[in-house]
Amino acid sequence: MSKRILVVEDQPDNRQIIRDMLARTDYEITEAENGEEALAAIVKQRPDLILMDIQLPIMDGYTAVSRIKPPLGKPSRINGCFCPTM
């Protein structure tokens, strides 16, 4: 079973760069163009890693992440950090 990565990026060129960088890996890549699509993909795909842009149409990355992360003190399957990159 391969690991799943969800790439959330509204710019097609940036998504292509990420696809190219991950092409030789064994990861299963899923893409979303905005925060709403990301939330739907997370429920459906249960990714192991999410690469989230911040400035997205419809729902930005900050809002999407706040809906993914549970409130403090609640158990979560999500372990990691939030690192804006672009």
Protein backbone atom coordinates (compact mmCIF):
# COMPACT_ATOMS: atom_id res chain seq x y z
CA MET A 1 0.00 0.00 0.00
CA SER A 2 1.51 3.32 -1.05
CA LYS A 3 1.39 6.47 1.02
CA ARG A 4 -1.00 9.19 -0.08
CA ILE A 5 -0.17 12.88 -0.53
CA LEU A 6 -2.81 15.54 -1.04
CA VAL A 7 -1.52 18.58 -2.94
CA VAL A 8 -3.72 21.65 -2.46
CA GLU A 9 -2.67 24.37 -4.90
CA ASP A 10 -4.74 26.57 -7.21
CA GLN A 11 -1.96 27.32 -9.72
CA PRO A 12 -1.60 24.57 -12.37
CA ASP A 13 2.12 25.32 -12.89
CA ASN A 14 2.86 24.83 -9.19
CA ARG A 15 0.89 21.57 -9.12
CA GLN A 16 2.91 20.39 -12.12
CA ILE A 17 6.19 21.21 -10.36
CA ILE A 18 5.13 19.17 -7.35
CA ARG A 19 3.97 16.27 -9.58
CA ASP A 20 7.34 16.34 -11.35
CA MET A 21 9.23 16.32 -8.04
CA LEU A 22 7.23 13.34 -6.79
CA ALA A 23 7.04 11.43 -10.09
CA ARG A 24 9.78 8.94 -9.23
CA THR A 25 8.40 8.14 -5.81
CA ASP A 26 5.88 5.52 -4.78
CA TYR A 27 3.40 8.09 -3.48
CA GLU A 28 -0.20 8.22 -4.62
CA ILE A 29 -0.90 11.90 -5.42
CA THR A 30 -4.32 13.53 -5.11
CA GLU A 31 -4.88 17.18 -6.04
CA ALA A 32 -7.30 19.87 -4.95
CA GLU A 33 -7.55 23.46 -6.18
CA ASN A 34 -9.10 25.07 -3.09
CA GLY A 35 -9.82 24.47 0.58
CA GLU A 36 -13.31 23.06 0.02
CA GLU A 37 -12.00 20.47 -2.44
CA ALA A 38 -9.23 19.66 0.03
CA LEU A 39 -11.69 18.93 2.84
CA ALA A 40 -13.71 16.64 0.58
CA ALA A 41 -10.54 14.84 -0.58
CA ILE A 42 -9.38 14.36 3.02
CA VAL A 43 -12.63 12.63 3.96
CA LYS A 44 -12.50 10.42 0.86
CA GLN A 45 -8.76 9.68 0.56
CA ARG A 46 -7.39 9.98 4.14
CA PRO A 47 -3.97 11.29 2.99
CA ASP A 48 -0.81 10.64 4.96
CA LEU A 49 0.59 14.08 4.07
CA ILE A 50 -1.07 17.33 2.98
CA LEU A 51 0.83 20.02 1.09
CA MET A 52 -1.42 23.07 1.48
CA ASP A 53 -1.11 26.45 -0.22
CA ILE A 54 -2.26 29.43 1.84
CA GLN A 55 -3.78 31.76 -0.74
CA LEU A 56 -6.54 29.71 -2.34
CA PRO A 57 -9.88 30.65 -3.89
CA ILE A 58 -13.20 29.77 -2.20
CA MET A 59 -11.56 28.68 1.09
CA ASP A 60 -7.98 29.64 1.96
CA GLY A 61 -5.40 27.31 3.42
CA TYR A 62 -5.59 28.77 6.93
CA THR A 63 -9.34 28.13 7.11
CA ALA A 64 -9.02 24.65 5.65
CA VAL A 65 -6.28 23.70 8.14
CA SER A 66 -8.34 25.05 11.04
CA ARG A 67 -11.16 22.72 9.98
CA ILE A 68 -8.82 19.75 9.63
CA LYS A 69 -7.09 20.13 13.00
CA PRO A 70 -9.15 19.17 16.06
CA PRO A 71 -9.43 21.50 19.06
CA LEU A 72 -6.57 21.36 21.57
CA GLY A 73 -6.78 18.37 23.86
CA LYS A 74 -8.74 16.23 21.42
CA PRO A 75 -7.14 13.08 19.97
CA SER A 76 -6.10 13.27 16.33
CA ARG A 77 -4.59 11.12 13.63
CA ILE A 78 -2.95 14.28 12.25
CA ASN A 79 0.67 14.67 13.29
CA GLY A 80 2.87 17.27 11.67
CA CYS A 81 3.42 20.93 11.21
CA PHE A 82 1.92 23.72 9.18
CA CYS A 83 4.63 25.29 7.02
CA PRO A 84 3.59 27.81 4.36
CA THR A 85 6.03 27.52 1.46
CA MET A 86 4.92 29.64 -1.51
